[in-house]
Every structure is written in structure tokens, then in C-alpha cells.
Amino acid sequence: MTGTNYSEPTIVESLDLEATAAALCCRFGEASAEAYRLATLHDVLNSSRALARALDSFTSLAAEHYRGIHCTADMRGDAQRLAHALAVWSDSVFTAGTAYREWTTDGAIAGLSAERSGVGSDASFTPIMRDHVTPTASRA
């Protein structure tokens, strides 16, 4: 993990987050689709926990560096671990969101309104994290 560079921008689109949130609150019905939904959401939960741990660790170490406690140490390894956790989390959200959108596009619940599903009901729910680079058009 240390020594690996994560130079591609990590982007979390609000549509992916909203679709992932909606997938947490529904069932896909068909057995193989439901198994895939559960697997992708399991990855989202695990990567979310890992990201939270990485953020907590990075924050703790950064605070020590800020106060000058470890001013001779280098935080590059910590930054790379955080970048890796963010990239894994971003990919898991993208995968779960894509699975949900594909399932709804196939007509399974295409008629479900945003109000009933809870998606889009909070106007402040638009987290988009962007690097200093222009995002690519598609991740597929």
C-alpha cells in the first residue's frame, strides 16, 4: 500500500450516493440481482468503515504534526493510506449506485417516485468531492 501512487482524481457523484442510499432501502427481488445488491452494499459498508478509520488515523497524526510533536516524521505514507481508502470507498459507492440504476432502468421499479424512496428529498444531500483535475466523463 505504501509507495503506491493514487494520482487519478477520486470523485463521488451525488447520483451515486443517492442510488446507493436507495439500494440500502429496497430489495431487487430476483435472486441473483438481490445477491449482487447485497454484495455491493457489503463492500460499501466495509469501505465506509475503512475510510472512517483512515480519516480518524490521519486526523490524529495530522494534529500531532500540527502541534510539532512529530515534526521530523513524514506523513506521505499516511496520506497514501487515506487516498487508497478514499479510492476504494469511491469505487464501492460507484459500483453500488450503478447496480441500482441498472436495476431500476430495467423496469423493476422505474415507477417508484423519489418522494417514496427518500432519494432527493433533502436538497442539501449533494456531496461531490473533486480533485484539482477536471473529472472524466465516465468511469466505465
N, C-alpha and C. Protein backbone atom coordinates (compact mmCIF):
# COMPACT_ATOMS: atom_id res chain seq x y z
N MET A 1 0.83 -1.18 0.00
CA MET A 1 0.00 0.00 0.00
C MET A 1 0.88 1.25 0.00
N THR A 2 1.86 1.32 0.90
CA THR A 2 2.75 2.46 0.91
C THR A 2 3.61 2.40 -0.33
N GLY A 3 3.80 3.50 -0.99
CA GLY A 3 4.56 3.54 -2.21
C GLY A 3 3.68 3.54 -3.45
N THR A 4 2.43 3.17 -3.31
CA THR A 4 1.51 3.20 -4.44
C THR A 4 0.99 4.62 -4.59
N ASN A 5 1.00 5.11 -5.81
CA ASN A 5 0.51 6.46 -6.06
C ASN A 5 -0.93 6.42 -6.52
N TYR A 6 -1.77 7.28 -5.99
CA TYR A 6 -3.16 7.40 -6.39
C TYR A 6 -3.33 8.78 -7.00
N SER A 7 -2.91 8.89 -8.26
CA SER A 7 -2.91 10.19 -8.91
C SER A 7 -4.22 10.52 -9.61
N GLU A 8 -5.07 9.50 -9.89
CA GLU A 8 -6.34 9.79 -10.53
C GLU A 8 -7.27 10.48 -9.54
N PRO A 9 -8.04 11.43 -10.02
CA PRO A 9 -8.96 12.10 -9.10
C PRO A 9 -10.03 11.14 -8.60
N THR A 10 -10.35 11.27 -7.34
CA THR A 10 -11.42 10.46 -6.75
C THR A 10 -12.66 11.33 -6.70
N ILE A 11 -13.68 10.89 -7.40
CA ILE A 11 -14.89 11.69 -7.50
C ILE A 11 -16.06 10.87 -6.97
N VAL A 12 -16.81 11.47 -6.10
CA VAL A 12 -18.03 10.84 -5.62
C VAL A 12 -19.18 11.71 -6.11
N GLU A 13 -19.93 11.17 -7.03
CA GLU A 13 -21.05 11.91 -7.60
C GLU A 13 -22.27 11.75 -6.70
N SER A 14 -23.04 12.78 -6.58
CA SER A 14 -24.23 12.74 -5.75
C SER A 14 -25.22 11.70 -6.24
N LEU A 15 -25.30 11.47 -7.56
CA LEU A 15 -26.20 10.44 -8.09
C LEU A 15 -25.81 9.04 -7.61
N ASP A 16 -24.50 8.79 -7.50
CA ASP A 16 -24.04 7.50 -6.99
C ASP A 16 -24.41 7.34 -5.52
N LEU A 17 -24.21 8.39 -4.75
CA LEU A 17 -24.56 8.32 -3.33
C LEU A 17 -26.06 8.14 -3.14
N GLU A 18 -26.85 8.86 -3.91
CA GLU A 18 -28.30 8.75 -3.78
C GLU A 18 -28.78 7.36 -4.21
N ALA A 19 -28.21 6.82 -5.28
CA ALA A 19 -28.60 5.48 -5.73
C ALA A 19 -28.17 4.43 -4.72
N THR A 20 -27.00 4.60 -4.13
CA THR A 20 -26.54 3.66 -3.10
C THR A 20 -27.46 3.71 -1.89
N ALA A 21 -27.84 4.92 -1.48
CA ALA A 21 -28.76 5.07 -0.35
C ALA A 21 -30.10 4.40 -0.66
N ALA A 22 -30.58 4.57 -1.89
CA ALA A 22 -31.85 3.95 -2.28
C ALA A 22 -31.72 2.43 -2.29
N ALA A 23 -30.57 1.91 -2.74
CA ALA A 23 -30.36 0.47 -2.77
C ALA A 23 -30.36 -0.13 -1.37
N LEU A 24 -29.95 0.65 -0.38
CA LEU A 24 -29.97 0.17 1.00
C LEU A 24 -31.40 -0.02 1.51
N CYS A 25 -32.36 0.67 0.90
CA CYS A 25 -33.74 0.68 1.40
C CYS A 25 -34.69 -0.12 0.53
N CYS A 26 -34.20 -0.99 -0.31
CA CYS A 26 -35.09 -1.74 -1.20
C CYS A 26 -34.59 -3.16 -1.36
N ARG A 27 -35.32 -3.93 -2.12
CA ARG A 27 -34.92 -5.29 -2.47
C ARG A 27 -35.03 -5.40 -3.98
N PHE A 28 -34.09 -6.11 -4.61
CA PHE A 28 -34.10 -6.25 -6.06
C PHE A 28 -35.04 -7.35 -6.52
N GLY A 29 -35.48 -8.21 -5.61
CA GLY A 29 -36.45 -9.24 -5.97
C GLY A 29 -35.82 -10.49 -6.54
N GLU A 30 -35.37 -10.44 -7.77
CA GLU A 30 -34.78 -11.60 -8.43
C GLU A 30 -33.53 -12.03 -7.66
N ALA A 31 -33.35 -13.33 -7.45
CA ALA A 31 -32.33 -13.86 -6.54
C ALA A 31 -30.91 -13.42 -6.88
N SER A 32 -30.50 -13.53 -8.13
CA SER A 32 -29.12 -13.17 -8.46
C SER A 32 -28.91 -11.66 -8.36
N ALA A 33 -29.92 -10.88 -8.73
CA ALA A 33 -29.81 -9.42 -8.60
C ALA A 33 -29.75 -9.02 -7.13
N GLU A 34 -30.53 -9.69 -6.30
CA GLU A 34 -30.53 -9.40 -4.87
C GLU A 34 -29.19 -9.77 -4.24
N ALA A 35 -28.62 -10.88 -4.65
CA ALA A 35 -27.30 -11.29 -4.14
C ALA A 35 -26.24 -10.27 -4.53
N TYR A 36 -26.32 -9.76 -5.77
CA TYR A 36 -25.38 -8.75 -6.21
C TYR A 36 -25.56 -7.45 -5.42
N ARG A 37 -26.82 -7.06 -5.18
CA ARG A 37 -27.11 -5.86 -4.38
C ARG A 37 -26.48 -5.99 -3.00
N LEU A 38 -26.69 -7.13 -2.36
CA LEU A 38 -26.16 -7.33 -1.03
C LEU A 38 -24.63 -7.32 -1.02
N ALA A 39 -24.01 -7.92 -2.03
CA ALA A 39 -22.55 -7.93 -2.10
C ALA A 39 -21.98 -6.53 -2.29
N THR A 40 -22.59 -5.75 -3.19
CA THR A 40 -22.08 -4.39 -3.43
C THR A 40 -22.30 -3.51 -2.19
N LEU A 41 -23.42 -3.68 -1.52
CA LEU A 41 -23.68 -2.88 -0.32
C LEU A 41 -22.78 -3.32 0.84
N HIS A 42 -22.45 -4.60 0.89
CA HIS A 42 -21.50 -5.08 1.90
C HIS A 42 -20.15 -4.39 1.68
N ASP A 43 -19.74 -4.28 0.41
CA ASP A 43 -18.48 -3.58 0.09
C ASP A 43 -18.56 -2.10 0.48
N VAL A 44 -19.71 -1.47 0.25
CA VAL A 44 -19.87 -0.06 0.62
C VAL A 44 -19.72 0.09 2.14
N LEU A 45 -20.37 -0.77 2.89
CA LEU A 45 -20.29 -0.68 4.36
C LEU A 45 -18.86 -0.91 4.85
N ASN A 46 -18.20 -1.92 4.31
CA ASN A 46 -16.82 -2.20 4.72
C ASN A 46 -15.87 -1.07 4.33
N SER A 47 -16.01 -0.55 3.12
CA SER A 47 -15.12 0.53 2.69
C SER A 47 -15.44 1.82 3.43
N SER A 48 -16.69 2.02 3.83
CA SER A 48 -17.05 3.20 4.63
C SER A 48 -16.39 3.14 6.00
N ARG A 49 -16.42 1.95 6.60
CA ARG A 49 -15.76 1.78 7.90
C ARG A 49 -14.25 2.00 7.77
N ALA A 50 -13.65 1.45 6.72
CA ALA A 50 -12.21 1.60 6.50
C ALA A 50 -11.86 3.07 6.26
N LEU A 51 -12.69 3.78 5.50
CA LEU A 51 -12.45 5.20 5.26
C LEU A 51 -12.56 5.99 6.55
N ALA A 52 -13.54 5.66 7.38
CA ALA A 52 -13.69 6.36 8.67
C ALA A 52 -12.45 6.13 9.54
N ARG A 53 -11.95 4.89 9.56
CA ARG A 53 -10.74 4.60 10.35
C ARG A 53 -9.54 5.36 9.78
N ALA A 54 -9.41 5.39 8.45
CA ALA A 54 -8.29 6.09 7.81
C ALA A 54 -8.36 7.59 8.09
N LEU A 55 -9.56 8.15 8.01
CA LEU A 55 -9.72 9.59 8.31
C LEU A 55 -9.38 9.88 9.77
N ASP A 56 -9.83 9.02 10.67
CA ASP A 56 -9.55 9.21 12.09
C ASP A 56 -8.05 9.12 12.35
N SER A 57 -7.40 8.13 11.77
CA SER A 57 -5.95 7.97 11.94
C SER A 57 -5.19 9.16 11.36
N PHE A 58 -5.57 9.57 10.15
CA PHE A 58 -4.91 10.70 9.51
C PHE A 58 -5.09 11.97 10.33
N THR A 59 -6.30 12.19 10.81
CA THR A 59 -6.58 13.39 11.60
C THR A 59 -5.78 13.41 12.89
N SER A 60 -5.72 12.26 13.54
CA SER A 60 -4.96 12.16 14.78
C SER A 60 -3.48 12.47 14.56
N LEU A 61 -2.91 11.84 13.53
CA LEU A 61 -1.50 12.09 13.22
C LEU A 61 -1.26 13.52 12.75
N ALA A 62 -2.18 14.03 11.94
CA ALA A 62 -2.03 15.41 11.45
C ALA A 62 -2.05 16.40 12.60
N ALA A 63 -2.91 16.15 13.58
CA ALA A 63 -2.98 17.05 14.74
C ALA A 63 -1.66 17.03 15.51
N GLU A 64 -1.05 15.84 15.63
CA GLU A 64 0.25 15.76 16.31
C GLU A 64 1.31 16.52 15.53
N HIS A 65 1.32 16.35 14.20
CA HIS A 65 2.27 17.08 13.37
C HIS A 65 2.04 18.59 13.48
N TYR A 66 0.80 18.97 13.47
CA TYR A 66 0.44 20.40 13.56
C TYR A 66 0.97 21.00 14.86
N ARG A 67 0.89 20.24 15.95
CA ARG A 67 1.39 20.72 17.24
C ARG A 67 2.90 20.58 17.36
N GLY A 68 3.55 19.96 16.36
CA GLY A 68 5.00 19.84 16.37
C GLY A 68 5.53 18.63 17.11
N ILE A 69 4.66 17.69 17.46
CA ILE A 69 5.10 16.52 18.22
C ILE A 69 5.97 15.61 17.36
N HIS A 70 5.59 15.38 16.12
CA HIS A 70 6.35 14.52 15.21
C HIS A 70 6.84 15.33 14.01
N CYS A 71 7.41 16.47 14.25
CA CYS A 71 7.74 17.36 13.13
C CYS A 71 8.86 16.82 12.26
N THR A 72 9.60 15.80 12.69
CA THR A 72 10.64 15.24 11.84
C THR A 72 10.12 14.07 11.01
N ALA A 73 8.95 13.57 11.32
CA ALA A 73 8.38 12.43 10.59
C ALA A 73 7.70 12.90 9.31
N ASP A 74 7.52 11.98 8.40
CA ASP A 74 6.90 12.26 7.12
C ASP A 74 5.49 11.65 7.12
N MET A 75 4.51 12.37 6.60
CA MET A 75 3.14 11.88 6.57
C MET A 75 2.73 11.33 5.21
N ARG A 76 3.68 11.15 4.30
CA ARG A 76 3.33 10.66 2.97
C ARG A 76 2.66 9.29 3.02
N GLY A 77 3.15 8.39 3.83
CA GLY A 77 2.54 7.06 3.96
C GLY A 77 1.11 7.15 4.47
N ASP A 78 0.88 8.03 5.43
CA ASP A 78 -0.47 8.22 5.97
C ASP A 78 -1.39 8.82 4.91
N ALA A 79 -0.87 9.76 4.15
CA ALA A 79 -1.66 10.36 3.07
C ALA A 79 -2.00 9.33 2.00
N GLN A 80 -1.06 8.44 1.69
CA GLN A 80 -1.31 7.40 0.70
C GLN A 80 -2.35 6.40 1.20
N ARG A 81 -2.29 6.04 2.48
CA ARG A 81 -3.31 5.14 3.04
C ARG A 81 -4.69 5.78 2.99
N LEU A 82 -4.77 7.06 3.28
CA LEU A 82 -6.04 7.77 3.21
C LEU A 82 -6.53 7.84 1.76
N ALA A 83 -5.63 8.13 0.84
CA ALA A 83 -6.00 8.19 -0.59
C ALA A 83 -6.50 6.83 -1.07
N HIS A 84 -5.86 5.76 -0.62
CA HIS A 84 -6.30 4.41 -1.00
C HIS A 84 -7.69 4.12 -0.45
N ALA A 85 -7.92 4.44 0.83
CA ALA A 85 -9.24 4.20 1.45
C ALA A 85 -10.31 5.02 0.74
N LEU A 86 -10.01 6.24 0.37
CA LEU A 86 -10.97 7.09 -0.35
C LEU A 86 -11.27 6.52 -1.73
N ALA A 87 -10.24 6.04 -2.43
CA ALA A 87 -10.45 5.46 -3.76
C ALA A 87 -11.29 4.19 -3.68
N VAL A 88 -11.02 3.34 -2.70
CA VAL A 88 -11.80 2.10 -2.53
C VAL A 88 -13.25 2.44 -2.21
N TRP A 89 -13.46 3.40 -1.31
CA TRP A 89 -14.82 3.80 -0.94
C TRP A 89 -15.55 4.38 -2.15
N SER A 90 -14.88 5.25 -2.89
CA SER A 90 -15.48 5.87 -4.07
C SER A 90 -15.88 4.80 -5.09
N ASP A 91 -15.01 3.82 -5.31
CA ASP A 91 -15.32 2.74 -6.25
C ASP A 91 -16.50 1.90 -5.78
N SER A 92 -16.57 1.64 -4.47
CA SER A 92 -17.68 0.83 -3.97
C SER A 92 -19.01 1.58 -4.08
N VAL A 93 -19.00 2.87 -3.84
CA VAL A 93 -20.23 3.67 -4.00
C VAL A 93 -20.64 3.71 -5.46
N PHE A 94 -19.67 3.88 -6.35
CA PHE A 94 -19.95 3.89 -7.78
C PHE A 94 -20.57 2.56 -8.23
N THR A 95 -19.99 1.45 -7.78
CA THR A 95 -20.49 0.12 -8.16
C THR A 95 -21.91 -0.11 -7.65
N ALA A 96 -22.15 0.21 -6.38
CA ALA A 96 -23.49 0.02 -5.81
C ALA A 96 -24.51 0.94 -6.48
N GLY A 97 -24.12 2.18 -6.73
CA GLY A 97 -25.02 3.12 -7.40
C GLY A 97 -25.35 2.68 -8.82
N THR A 98 -24.34 2.19 -9.53
CA THR A 98 -24.55 1.70 -10.89
C THR A 98 -25.48 0.50 -10.90
N ALA A 99 -25.28 -0.42 -9.97
CA ALA A 99 -26.15 -1.60 -9.88
C ALA A 99 -27.60 -1.19 -9.65
N TYR A 100 -27.81 -0.22 -8.78
CA TYR A 100 -29.17 0.24 -8.50
C TYR A 100 -29.79 0.90 -9.74
N ARG A 101 -29.03 1.77 -10.39
CA ARG A 101 -29.56 2.45 -11.58
C ARG A 101 -29.86 1.45 -12.70
N GLU A 102 -28.99 0.46 -12.89
CA GLU A 102 -29.24 -0.55 -13.92
C GLU A 102 -30.50 -1.34 -13.59
N TRP A 103 -30.68 -1.67 -12.32
CA TRP A 103 -31.86 -2.43 -11.91
C TRP A 103 -33.13 -1.61 -12.13
N THR A 104 -33.11 -0.33 -11.77
CA THR A 104 -34.30 0.49 -11.96
C THR A 104 -34.55 0.80 -13.42
N THR A 105 -33.50 0.91 -14.22
CA THR A 105 -33.65 1.17 -15.65
C THR A 105 -34.29 -0.02 -16.36
N ASP A 106 -34.03 -1.21 -15.87
CA ASP A 106 -34.61 -2.41 -16.48
C ASP A 106 -36.09 -2.54 -16.18
N GLY A 107 -36.66 -1.58 -15.47
CA GLY A 107 -38.10 -1.56 -15.26
C GLY A 107 -38.58 -2.14 -13.96
N ALA A 108 -37.68 -2.64 -13.14
CA ALA A 108 -38.10 -3.28 -11.89
C ALA A 108 -38.87 -2.32 -10.99
N ILE A 109 -38.34 -1.12 -10.81
CA ILE A 109 -39.06 -0.13 -10.01
C ILE A 109 -38.99 1.25 -10.67
N ALA A 110 -38.97 1.27 -11.97
CA ALA A 110 -38.83 2.54 -12.68
C ALA A 110 -39.92 3.53 -12.30
N GLY A 111 -41.08 3.05 -11.85
CA GLY A 111 -42.17 3.95 -11.49
C GLY A 111 -42.11 4.45 -10.07
N LEU A 112 -41.13 4.00 -9.27
CA LEU A 112 -41.03 4.44 -7.88
C LEU A 112 -40.61 5.90 -7.85
N SER A 113 -41.37 6.71 -7.15
CA SER A 113 -41.07 8.15 -7.12
C SER A 113 -39.95 8.44 -6.14
N ALA A 114 -39.28 9.54 -6.36
CA ALA A 114 -38.20 9.96 -5.46
C ALA A 114 -38.73 10.23 -4.06
N GLU A 115 -39.95 10.72 -3.96
CA GLU A 115 -40.52 11.00 -2.64
C GLU A 115 -40.72 9.72 -1.84
N ARG A 116 -41.22 8.67 -2.49
CA ARG A 116 -41.47 7.41 -1.80
C ARG A 116 -40.17 6.74 -1.39
N SER A 117 -39.14 6.85 -2.21
CA SER A 117 -37.88 6.17 -1.91
C SER A 117 -37.01 6.97 -0.96
N GLY A 118 -37.31 8.26 -0.79
CA GLY A 118 -36.50 9.09 0.08
C GLY A 118 -35.32 9.73 -0.64
N VAL A 119 -35.07 9.34 -1.88
CA VAL A 119 -33.96 9.90 -2.64
C VAL A 119 -34.35 11.28 -3.13
N GLY A 120 -33.47 12.21 -2.93
CA GLY A 120 -33.70 13.57 -3.42
C GLY A 120 -34.59 14.40 -2.52
N SER A 121 -34.98 13.87 -1.37
CA SER A 121 -35.87 14.64 -0.51
C SER A 121 -35.14 15.69 0.29
N ASP A 122 -33.81 15.59 0.38
CA ASP A 122 -33.02 16.57 1.11
C ASP A 122 -32.15 17.33 0.12
N ALA A 123 -32.46 18.60 -0.07
CA ALA A 123 -31.75 19.40 -1.07
C ALA A 123 -30.28 19.58 -0.71
N SER A 124 -29.90 19.41 0.55
CA SER A 124 -28.52 19.58 0.94
C SER A 124 -27.70 18.32 0.70
N PHE A 125 -28.31 17.23 0.25
CA PHE A 125 -27.62 15.97 0.02
C PHE A 125 -26.98 15.97 -1.35
N THR A 126 -25.91 16.75 -1.50
CA THR A 126 -25.20 16.81 -2.77
C THR A 126 -23.69 16.79 -2.56
N PRO A 127 -23.17 15.75 -1.87
CA PRO A 127 -21.73 15.73 -1.66
C PRO A 127 -21.00 15.32 -2.93
N ILE A 128 -20.20 16.21 -3.46
CA ILE A 128 -19.37 15.91 -4.61
C ILE A 128 -17.96 16.33 -4.23
N MET A 129 -17.06 15.36 -4.20
CA MET A 129 -15.68 15.67 -3.85
C MET A 129 -14.88 15.64 -5.13
N ARG A 130 -14.15 16.67 -5.39
CA ARG A 130 -13.38 16.74 -6.62
C ARG A 130 -11.94 17.10 -6.31
N ASP A 131 -11.05 16.52 -7.10
CA ASP A 131 -9.65 16.85 -7.03
C ASP A 131 -9.44 18.14 -7.83
N HIS A 132 -8.23 18.55 -8.00
CA HIS A 132 -7.95 19.76 -8.76
C HIS A 132 -8.01 19.53 -10.26
N VAL A 133 -8.38 18.34 -10.67
CA VAL A 133 -8.40 17.97 -12.08
C VAL A 133 -9.84 17.91 -12.56
N THR A 134 -10.06 18.19 -13.83
CA THR A 134 -11.40 18.08 -14.41
C THR A 134 -11.78 16.61 -14.43
N PRO A 135 -12.99 16.27 -13.95
CA PRO A 135 -13.39 14.86 -13.89
C PRO A 135 -13.57 14.26 -15.28
N THR A 136 -13.37 12.95 -15.36
CA THR A 136 -13.58 12.26 -16.61
C THR A 136 -15.07 12.06 -16.82
N ALA A 137 -15.47 11.85 -18.06
CA ALA A 137 -16.89 11.74 -18.39
C ALA A 137 -17.51 10.48 -17.83
N SER A 138 -16.77 9.38 -17.79
CA SER A 138 -17.34 8.11 -17.34
C SER A 138 -16.25 7.28 -16.69
N ARG A 139 -16.66 6.46 -15.73
CA ARG A 139 -15.71 5.58 -15.07
C ARG A 139 -15.74 4.20 -15.70
N ALA A 140 -16.72 3.92 -16.53
CA ALA A 140 -16.85 2.56 -17.09
C ALA A 140 -15.87 2.29 -18.17
